[in-house]
Amino acid sequence: MAGRPTGNGNHVGLAPDAPTPAEYERDLYTWSREQAELIREGRFEAVDRDNVAEEIESLGRTEFSRLASALRVLLLHMLKWDHQPRKRTRSWAVSIAAQRIEIEDVLTDNPGLKPRLAEAMARGYRQARTLAAHETGLPEGKFPAKCPYSHEDITSREYLK
């Protein structure tokens, strides 16, 4: 049984007497909660500084990816709208409107991303171009190699059916 002494005075069991700190690579959830508690308690000497720093940087990368992803969906529907006028649907216009809101929300929550907007647009467009070719059946060369849309187009061009 757990915690019962053996004949030689050693304890044998499944649970240790004191909780063992979680390992970063094996249990991110528990590790992150433990690290937050250490910081709140001011026990900075016990904080896993390198991995905490990596996780904080990862949060920033996630927000940038969220911005690029919203731009990818927006630009995909803009390309389809422009290259398949006979197949325009209300759902494309709705998607464009929804992604504009998502982009605005990401930038409102993360104003530090504004200087990286052009980079996020380029990344999103590169993916949108490939997806547009696949979804429309048109050759990828039919779509401009670089994003043809201005900031004004992306934020306020009208899309009505």
N, C-alpha and C. Protein backbone atom coordinates (compact mmCIF):
# COMPACT_ATOMS: atom_id res chain seq x y z
N MET A 1 0.83 -1.18 0.00
CA MET A 1 0.00 0.00 0.00
C MET A 1 0.86 1.24 0.00
N ALA A 2 0.34 2.27 -0.55
CA ALA A 2 1.09 3.51 -0.62
C ALA A 2 1.35 4.06 0.76
N GLY A 3 2.59 4.46 0.98
CA GLY A 3 2.94 5.13 2.23
C GLY A 3 3.21 4.19 3.40
N ARG A 4 3.09 2.90 3.23
CA ARG A 4 3.35 1.96 4.32
C ARG A 4 4.84 1.66 4.37
N PRO A 5 5.40 1.69 5.54
CA PRO A 5 6.82 1.37 5.63
C PRO A 5 7.06 -0.10 5.33
N THR A 6 8.18 -0.34 4.69
CA THR A 6 8.60 -1.72 4.46
C THR A 6 9.42 -2.15 5.65
N GLY A 7 9.85 -3.37 5.64
CA GLY A 7 10.63 -3.89 6.74
C GLY A 7 11.92 -3.12 6.96
N ASN A 8 12.49 -2.48 5.91
CA ASN A 8 13.76 -1.78 6.08
C ASN A 8 13.57 -0.30 6.39
N GLY A 9 12.35 0.14 6.64
CA GLY A 9 12.09 1.53 7.01
C GLY A 9 11.84 2.46 5.84
N ASN A 10 12.00 1.98 4.61
CA ASN A 10 11.73 2.81 3.43
C ASN A 10 10.25 2.79 3.11
N HIS A 11 9.78 3.87 2.51
CA HIS A 11 8.38 3.92 2.09
C HIS A 11 8.26 3.42 0.66
N VAL A 12 7.24 2.66 0.43
CA VAL A 12 6.94 2.18 -0.91
C VAL A 12 5.55 2.68 -1.24
N GLY A 13 5.39 3.28 -2.40
CA GLY A 13 4.05 3.74 -2.75
C GLY A 13 4.04 4.46 -4.07
N LEU A 14 2.86 4.82 -4.49
CA LEU A 14 2.69 5.50 -5.76
C LEU A 14 2.79 7.00 -5.62
N ALA A 15 2.35 7.55 -4.50
CA ALA A 15 2.34 9.00 -4.33
C ALA A 15 3.45 9.41 -3.38
N PRO A 16 4.25 10.40 -3.76
CA PRO A 16 5.30 10.86 -2.85
C PRO A 16 4.69 11.64 -1.69
N ASP A 17 5.48 11.79 -0.62
CA ASP A 17 4.99 12.53 0.54
C ASP A 17 4.73 13.99 0.20
N ALA A 18 5.59 14.60 -0.62
CA ALA A 18 5.41 16.00 -1.04
C ALA A 18 5.22 16.02 -2.55
N PRO A 19 4.38 16.93 -3.05
CA PRO A 19 4.16 16.97 -4.50
C PRO A 19 5.47 17.28 -5.23
N THR A 20 5.67 16.58 -6.32
CA THR A 20 6.84 16.80 -7.16
C THR A 20 6.48 17.87 -8.19
N PRO A 21 7.37 18.84 -8.39
CA PRO A 21 7.07 19.86 -9.41
C PRO A 21 6.87 19.21 -10.78
N ALA A 22 5.93 19.75 -11.52
CA ALA A 22 5.63 19.22 -12.85
C ALA A 22 6.78 19.55 -13.80
N GLU A 23 7.00 18.67 -14.74
CA GLU A 23 8.02 18.90 -15.75
C GLU A 23 7.40 19.63 -16.94
N TYR A 24 8.10 20.62 -17.42
CA TYR A 24 7.65 21.43 -18.55
C TYR A 24 7.30 20.57 -19.75
N GLU A 25 8.15 19.63 -20.10
CA GLU A 25 7.94 18.81 -21.31
C GLU A 25 6.85 17.77 -21.15
N ARG A 26 6.51 17.41 -19.89
CA ARG A 26 5.59 16.30 -19.68
C ARG A 26 4.18 16.72 -19.27
N ASP A 27 4.04 17.91 -18.67
CA ASP A 27 2.72 18.34 -18.18
C ASP A 27 2.66 19.86 -18.20
N LEU A 28 2.49 20.41 -19.37
CA LEU A 28 2.50 21.87 -19.54
C LEU A 28 1.43 22.54 -18.69
N TYR A 29 0.27 21.93 -18.60
CA TYR A 29 -0.83 22.53 -17.84
C TYR A 29 -0.43 22.72 -16.37
N THR A 30 -0.03 21.64 -15.73
CA THR A 30 0.33 21.72 -14.32
C THR A 30 1.56 22.61 -14.12
N TRP A 31 2.55 22.46 -15.00
CA TRP A 31 3.76 23.28 -14.93
C TRP A 31 3.39 24.77 -14.98
N SER A 32 2.51 25.16 -15.91
CA SER A 32 2.16 26.57 -16.06
C SER A 32 1.45 27.10 -14.81
N ARG A 33 0.59 26.31 -14.24
CA ARG A 33 -0.10 26.73 -13.01
C ARG A 33 0.89 26.89 -11.86
N GLU A 34 1.83 25.96 -11.77
CA GLU A 34 2.86 26.05 -10.72
C GLU A 34 3.73 27.29 -10.91
N GLN A 35 4.11 27.56 -12.15
CA GLN A 35 4.96 28.72 -12.42
C GLN A 35 4.23 30.02 -12.09
N ALA A 36 2.95 30.09 -12.44
CA ALA A 36 2.15 31.28 -12.12
C ALA A 36 2.08 31.48 -10.61
N GLU A 37 1.90 30.41 -9.88
CA GLU A 37 1.83 30.51 -8.42
C GLU A 37 3.17 30.98 -7.84
N LEU A 38 4.27 30.45 -8.36
CA LEU A 38 5.59 30.89 -7.89
C LEU A 38 5.78 32.39 -8.12
N ILE A 39 5.36 32.86 -9.26
CA ILE A 39 5.49 34.29 -9.58
C ILE A 39 4.61 35.11 -8.64
N ARG A 40 3.37 34.69 -8.45
CA ARG A 40 2.47 35.41 -7.54
C ARG A 40 3.02 35.48 -6.12
N GLU A 41 3.68 34.40 -5.70
CA GLU A 41 4.25 34.35 -4.35
C GLU A 41 5.58 35.11 -4.25
N GLY A 42 6.10 35.56 -5.38
CA GLY A 42 7.38 36.26 -5.37
C GLY A 42 8.57 35.34 -5.19
N ARG A 43 8.38 34.07 -5.48
CA ARG A 43 9.47 33.09 -5.34
C ARG A 43 10.21 32.95 -6.67
N PHE A 44 10.80 34.04 -7.10
CA PHE A 44 11.41 34.11 -8.43
C PHE A 44 12.60 33.17 -8.60
N GLU A 45 13.26 32.87 -7.52
CA GLU A 45 14.42 31.96 -7.60
C GLU A 45 13.98 30.56 -8.01
N ALA A 46 12.73 30.20 -7.78
CA ALA A 46 12.22 28.87 -8.10
C ALA A 46 11.58 28.80 -9.48
N VAL A 47 11.41 29.95 -10.14
CA VAL A 47 10.75 29.99 -11.45
C VAL A 47 11.66 29.39 -12.53
N ASP A 48 11.07 28.61 -13.39
CA ASP A 48 11.75 28.02 -14.55
C ASP A 48 11.85 29.12 -15.62
N ARG A 49 12.80 30.03 -15.43
CA ARG A 49 12.86 31.27 -16.22
C ARG A 49 12.93 31.04 -17.73
N ASP A 50 13.78 30.14 -18.18
CA ASP A 50 13.94 29.95 -19.63
C ASP A 50 12.64 29.48 -20.28
N ASN A 51 11.99 28.52 -19.64
CA ASN A 51 10.75 28.01 -20.23
C ASN A 51 9.59 28.99 -20.08
N VAL A 52 9.55 29.73 -18.98
CA VAL A 52 8.52 30.76 -18.83
C VAL A 52 8.70 31.82 -19.92
N ALA A 53 9.94 32.24 -20.15
CA ALA A 53 10.20 33.22 -21.21
C ALA A 53 9.78 32.68 -22.57
N GLU A 54 10.07 31.42 -22.84
CA GLU A 54 9.67 30.80 -24.11
C GLU A 54 8.15 30.79 -24.27
N GLU A 55 7.44 30.47 -23.21
CA GLU A 55 5.98 30.45 -23.28
C GLU A 55 5.40 31.84 -23.49
N ILE A 56 5.98 32.85 -22.88
CA ILE A 56 5.50 34.22 -23.09
C ILE A 56 5.73 34.64 -24.54
N GLU A 57 6.91 34.33 -25.08
CA GLU A 57 7.16 34.63 -26.50
C GLU A 57 6.20 33.87 -27.40
N SER A 58 5.89 32.64 -27.01
CA SER A 58 4.96 31.81 -27.79
C SER A 58 3.57 32.45 -27.86
N LEU A 59 3.17 33.09 -26.76
CA LEU A 59 1.87 33.78 -26.77
C LEU A 59 1.85 34.89 -27.82
N GLY A 60 2.94 35.61 -27.94
CA GLY A 60 3.03 36.65 -28.96
C GLY A 60 2.96 36.08 -30.36
N ARG A 61 3.67 34.96 -30.57
CA ARG A 61 3.62 34.32 -31.90
C ARG A 61 2.20 33.84 -32.21
N THR A 62 1.50 33.37 -31.20
CA THR A 62 0.13 32.91 -31.39
C THR A 62 -0.78 34.05 -31.84
N GLU A 63 -0.61 35.21 -31.24
CA GLU A 63 -1.43 36.36 -31.62
C GLU A 63 -1.12 36.81 -33.05
N PHE A 64 0.16 36.78 -33.42
CA PHE A 64 0.53 37.11 -34.80
C PHE A 64 -0.11 36.10 -35.76
N SER A 65 -0.06 34.83 -35.42
CA SER A 65 -0.66 33.79 -36.26
C SER A 65 -2.17 33.97 -36.37
N ARG A 66 -2.79 34.39 -35.28
CA ARG A 66 -4.23 34.65 -35.30
C ARG A 66 -4.57 35.77 -36.28
N LEU A 67 -3.75 36.81 -36.29
CA LEU A 67 -3.94 37.92 -37.24
C LEU A 67 -3.74 37.43 -38.67
N ALA A 68 -2.67 36.71 -38.94
CA ALA A 68 -2.39 36.21 -40.29
C ALA A 68 -3.49 35.25 -40.75
N SER A 69 -4.03 34.46 -39.85
CA SER A 69 -5.09 33.52 -40.19
C SER A 69 -6.38 34.25 -40.58
N ALA A 70 -6.74 35.28 -39.83
CA ALA A 70 -7.93 36.06 -40.18
C ALA A 70 -7.73 36.74 -41.53
N LEU A 71 -6.54 37.24 -41.77
CA LEU A 71 -6.25 37.87 -43.07
C LEU A 71 -6.31 36.84 -44.19
N ARG A 72 -5.83 35.62 -43.93
CA ARG A 72 -5.88 34.57 -44.95
C ARG A 72 -7.31 34.30 -45.38
N VAL A 73 -8.22 34.15 -44.43
CA VAL A 73 -9.62 33.86 -44.76
C VAL A 73 -10.24 35.05 -45.48
N LEU A 74 -9.99 36.24 -44.99
CA LEU A 74 -10.51 37.45 -45.62
C LEU A 74 -10.02 37.56 -47.07
N LEU A 75 -8.72 37.42 -47.26
CA LEU A 75 -8.14 37.56 -48.61
C LEU A 75 -8.59 36.43 -49.54
N LEU A 76 -8.77 35.25 -49.01
CA LEU A 76 -9.28 34.14 -49.82
C LEU A 76 -10.65 34.50 -50.39
N HIS A 77 -11.53 35.01 -49.57
CA HIS A 77 -12.87 35.35 -50.05
C HIS A 77 -12.84 36.57 -50.96
N MET A 78 -11.93 37.49 -50.73
CA MET A 78 -11.80 38.63 -51.64
C MET A 78 -11.32 38.15 -53.02
N LEU A 79 -10.36 37.24 -53.05
CA LEU A 79 -9.88 36.70 -54.33
C LEU A 79 -11.00 35.95 -55.06
N LYS A 80 -11.71 35.12 -54.33
CA LYS A 80 -12.80 34.38 -54.96
C LYS A 80 -13.87 35.35 -55.48
N TRP A 81 -14.17 36.39 -54.71
CA TRP A 81 -15.15 37.39 -55.11
C TRP A 81 -14.72 38.05 -56.42
N ASP A 82 -13.46 38.43 -56.51
CA ASP A 82 -12.96 39.14 -57.69
C ASP A 82 -12.76 38.24 -58.91
N HIS A 83 -12.46 36.98 -58.70
CA HIS A 83 -12.14 36.09 -59.82
C HIS A 83 -13.28 35.17 -60.23
N GLN A 84 -14.35 35.16 -59.48
CA GLN A 84 -15.50 34.35 -59.84
C GLN A 84 -16.78 35.15 -59.61
N PRO A 85 -16.97 36.23 -60.36
CA PRO A 85 -18.13 37.10 -60.10
C PRO A 85 -19.47 36.37 -60.25
N ARG A 86 -19.55 35.38 -61.08
CA ARG A 86 -20.82 34.66 -61.26
C ARG A 86 -21.13 33.70 -60.12
N LYS A 87 -20.12 33.41 -59.32
CA LYS A 87 -20.31 32.46 -58.21
C LYS A 87 -20.35 33.17 -56.85
N ARG A 88 -20.43 34.48 -56.86
CA ARG A 88 -20.47 35.22 -55.60
C ARG A 88 -21.64 34.77 -54.75
N THR A 89 -21.36 34.60 -53.48
CA THR A 89 -22.42 34.20 -52.56
C THR A 89 -22.46 35.16 -51.37
N ARG A 90 -23.57 35.16 -50.75
CA ARG A 90 -23.73 35.98 -49.55
C ARG A 90 -22.78 35.52 -48.46
N SER A 91 -22.51 34.21 -48.41
CA SER A 91 -21.62 33.69 -47.37
C SER A 91 -20.21 34.25 -47.52
N TRP A 92 -19.77 34.54 -48.74
CA TRP A 92 -18.45 35.16 -48.93
C TRP A 92 -18.45 36.55 -48.31
N ALA A 93 -19.51 37.32 -48.57
CA ALA A 93 -19.61 38.67 -48.01
C ALA A 93 -19.68 38.63 -46.49
N VAL A 94 -20.41 37.66 -45.95
CA VAL A 94 -20.52 37.51 -44.50
C VAL A 94 -19.16 37.14 -43.91
N SER A 95 -18.44 36.24 -44.58
CA SER A 95 -17.12 35.85 -44.11
C SER A 95 -16.16 37.03 -44.12
N ILE A 96 -16.21 37.84 -45.15
CA ILE A 96 -15.36 39.03 -45.24
C ILE A 96 -15.66 39.95 -44.05
N ALA A 97 -16.93 40.18 -43.80
CA ALA A 97 -17.31 41.05 -42.67
C ALA A 97 -16.84 40.47 -41.34
N ALA A 98 -17.02 39.18 -41.15
CA ALA A 98 -16.62 38.54 -39.89
C ALA A 98 -15.10 38.60 -39.69
N GLN A 99 -14.35 38.38 -40.76
CA GLN A 99 -12.89 38.42 -40.63
C GLN A 99 -12.38 39.84 -40.38
N ARG A 100 -13.07 40.81 -40.93
CA ARG A 100 -12.71 42.21 -40.65
C ARG A 100 -12.87 42.50 -39.16
N ILE A 101 -13.93 42.00 -38.57
CA ILE A 101 -14.15 42.18 -37.13
C ILE A 101 -13.06 41.46 -36.35
N GLU A 102 -12.73 40.24 -36.76
CA GLU A 102 -11.67 39.48 -36.08
C GLU A 102 -10.34 40.22 -36.15
N ILE A 103 -10.00 40.74 -37.31
CA ILE A 103 -8.75 41.49 -37.47
C ILE A 103 -8.75 42.73 -36.58
N GLU A 104 -9.85 43.44 -36.57
CA GLU A 104 -9.97 44.62 -35.72
C GLU A 104 -9.82 44.25 -34.25
N ASP A 105 -10.44 43.14 -33.84
CA ASP A 105 -10.34 42.69 -32.45
C ASP A 105 -8.90 42.31 -32.09
N VAL A 106 -8.23 41.59 -32.96
CA VAL A 106 -6.84 41.19 -32.69
C VAL A 106 -5.96 42.42 -32.54
N LEU A 107 -6.14 43.39 -33.44
CA LEU A 107 -5.31 44.60 -33.38
C LEU A 107 -5.67 45.48 -32.18
N THR A 108 -6.93 45.48 -31.78
CA THR A 108 -7.32 46.22 -30.58
C THR A 108 -6.72 45.58 -29.33
N ASP A 109 -6.75 44.27 -29.28
CA ASP A 109 -6.19 43.54 -28.13
C ASP A 109 -4.67 43.55 -28.12
N ASN A 110 -4.06 43.72 -29.30
CA ASN A 110 -2.61 43.64 -29.44
C ASN A 110 -2.10 44.78 -30.33
N PRO A 111 -2.16 46.02 -29.85
CA PRO A 111 -1.74 47.14 -30.70
C PRO A 111 -0.30 47.04 -31.17
N GLY A 112 0.52 46.29 -30.46
CA GLY A 112 1.91 46.09 -30.88
C GLY A 112 2.04 45.32 -32.18
N LEU A 113 0.96 44.71 -32.65
CA LEU A 113 1.00 43.99 -33.93
C LEU A 113 0.82 44.92 -35.14
N LYS A 114 0.34 46.14 -34.91
CA LYS A 114 0.09 47.05 -36.03
C LYS A 114 1.31 47.25 -36.93
N PRO A 115 2.50 47.41 -36.37
CA PRO A 115 3.67 47.56 -37.26
C PRO A 115 3.97 46.30 -38.08
N ARG A 116 3.40 45.16 -37.69
CA ARG A 116 3.64 43.90 -38.41
C ARG A 116 2.48 43.53 -39.33
N LEU A 117 1.55 44.47 -39.53
CA LEU A 117 0.37 44.19 -40.35
C LEU A 117 0.74 43.81 -41.77
N ALA A 118 1.68 44.52 -42.38
CA ALA A 118 2.10 44.21 -43.76
C ALA A 118 2.68 42.79 -43.84
N GLU A 119 3.45 42.41 -42.84
CA GLU A 119 4.02 41.06 -42.80
C GLU A 119 2.92 40.01 -42.67
N ALA A 120 1.95 40.27 -41.81
CA ALA A 120 0.83 39.34 -41.63
C ALA A 120 -0.01 39.26 -42.91
N MET A 121 -0.19 40.39 -43.59
CA MET A 121 -0.93 40.39 -44.86
C MET A 121 -0.21 39.54 -45.89
N ALA A 122 1.10 39.71 -45.99
CA ALA A 122 1.89 38.93 -46.96
C ALA A 122 1.78 37.44 -46.66
N ARG A 123 1.89 37.08 -45.40
CA ARG A 123 1.80 35.67 -45.02
C ARG A 123 0.40 35.13 -45.31
N GLY A 124 -0.62 35.89 -44.91
CA GLY A 124 -1.99 35.46 -45.16
C GLY A 124 -2.30 35.36 -46.65
N TYR A 125 -1.81 36.32 -47.42
CA TYR A 125 -2.08 36.32 -48.86
C TYR A 125 -1.42 35.13 -49.55
N ARG A 126 -0.20 34.80 -49.17
CA ARG A 126 0.50 33.67 -49.78
C ARG A 126 -0.34 32.40 -49.64
N GLN A 127 -0.90 32.21 -48.46
CA GLN A 127 -1.75 31.03 -48.24
C GLN A 127 -3.09 31.17 -48.96
N ALA A 128 -3.67 32.37 -48.93
CA ALA A 128 -4.97 32.59 -49.57
C ALA A 128 -4.88 32.34 -51.07
N ARG A 129 -3.79 32.75 -51.67
CA ARG A 129 -3.61 32.56 -53.13
C ARG A 129 -3.63 31.08 -53.48
N THR A 130 -2.91 30.28 -52.72
CA THR A 130 -2.87 28.84 -52.96
C THR A 130 -4.25 28.22 -52.75
N LEU A 131 -4.92 28.62 -51.67
CA LEU A 131 -6.26 28.09 -51.40
C LEU A 131 -7.26 28.53 -52.47
N ALA A 132 -7.16 29.77 -52.92
CA ALA A 132 -8.08 30.28 -53.95
C ALA A 132 -7.93 29.47 -55.23
N ALA A 133 -6.71 29.17 -55.61
CA ALA A 133 -6.49 28.35 -56.81
C ALA A 133 -7.13 26.98 -56.64
N HIS A 134 -6.93 26.39 -55.48
CA HIS A 134 -7.49 25.06 -55.21
C HIS A 134 -9.02 25.10 -55.20
N GLU A 135 -9.59 26.08 -54.51
CA GLU A 135 -11.04 26.14 -54.36
C GLU A 135 -11.77 26.57 -55.63
N THR A 136 -11.13 27.39 -56.47
CA THR A 136 -11.79 27.85 -57.69
C THR A 136 -11.50 26.97 -58.89
N GLY A 137 -10.42 26.20 -58.81
CA GLY A 137 -10.00 25.40 -59.96
C GLY A 137 -9.22 26.21 -60.97
N LEU A 138 -8.97 27.48 -60.67
CA LEU A 138 -8.18 28.33 -61.56
C LEU A 138 -6.69 28.10 -61.29
N PRO A 139 -5.85 28.28 -62.31
CA PRO A 139 -4.42 28.14 -62.06
C PRO A 139 -3.93 29.21 -61.09
N GLU A 140 -2.97 28.87 -60.25
CA GLU A 140 -2.45 29.82 -59.27
C GLU A 140 -1.92 31.08 -59.93
N GLY A 141 -1.40 30.94 -61.16
CA GLY A 141 -0.88 32.09 -61.90
C GLY A 141 -1.94 33.12 -62.26
N LYS A 142 -3.21 32.75 -62.17
CA LYS A 142 -4.30 33.71 -62.43
C LYS A 142 -4.41 34.75 -61.32
N PHE A 143 -3.85 34.43 -60.16
CA PHE A 143 -3.90 35.32 -59.01
C PHE A 143 -2.56 36.04 -58.90
N PRO A 144 -2.57 37.33 -58.59
CA PRO A 144 -1.31 38.07 -58.47
C PRO A 144 -0.37 37.41 -57.46
N ALA A 145 0.93 37.46 -57.76
CA ALA A 145 1.92 36.86 -56.87
C ALA A 145 1.99 37.61 -55.54
N LYS A 146 1.76 38.91 -55.56
CA LYS A 146 1.75 39.71 -54.33
C LYS A 146 0.34 40.23 -54.08
N CYS A 147 0.03 40.47 -52.85
CA CYS A 147 -1.31 40.91 -52.47
C CYS A 147 -1.70 42.18 -53.24
N PRO A 148 -2.79 42.12 -54.00
CA PRO A 148 -3.21 43.27 -54.80
C PRO A 148 -4.09 44.27 -54.03
N TYR A 149 -4.38 43.96 -52.77
CA TYR A 149 -5.33 44.77 -52.02
C TYR A 149 -4.61 45.76 -51.10
N SER A 150 -5.15 46.96 -51.08
CA SER A 150 -4.62 47.98 -50.18
C SER A 150 -5.25 47.79 -48.79
N HIS A 151 -4.71 48.50 -47.84
CA HIS A 151 -5.29 48.49 -46.50
C HIS A 151 -6.75 48.95 -46.56
N GLU A 152 -7.01 49.95 -47.38
CA GLU A 152 -8.38 50.47 -47.56
C GLU A 152 -9.31 49.38 -48.11
N ASP A 153 -8.85 48.63 -49.12
CA ASP A 153 -9.65 47.52 -49.66
C ASP A 153 -9.99 46.51 -48.57
N ILE A 154 -8.98 46.16 -47.80
CA ILE A 154 -9.15 45.13 -46.79
C ILE A 154 -10.09 45.57 -45.69
N THR A 155 -10.04 46.84 -45.33
CA THR A 155 -10.83 47.29 -44.18
C THR A 155 -12.21 47.82 -44.55
N SER A 156 -12.39 48.31 -45.79
CA SER A 156 -13.68 48.98 -46.02
C SER A 156 -14.31 48.83 -47.40
N ARG A 157 -13.72 48.08 -48.29
CA ARG A 157 -14.36 47.86 -49.58
C ARG A 157 -15.70 47.16 -49.37
N GLU A 158 -16.72 47.59 -50.11
CA GLU A 158 -18.06 47.03 -49.96
C GLU A 158 -18.18 45.72 -50.72
N TYR A 159 -18.87 44.78 -50.10
CA TYR A 159 -19.14 43.48 -50.70
C TYR A 159 -20.62 43.19 -50.53
N LEU A 160 -21.38 43.50 -51.54
CA LEU A 160 -22.81 43.23 -51.49
C LEU A 160 -23.17 42.35 -52.66
N LYS A 161 -24.15 41.53 -52.49
CA LYS A 161 -24.62 40.65 -53.57
C LYS A 161 -25.75 41.32 -54.29
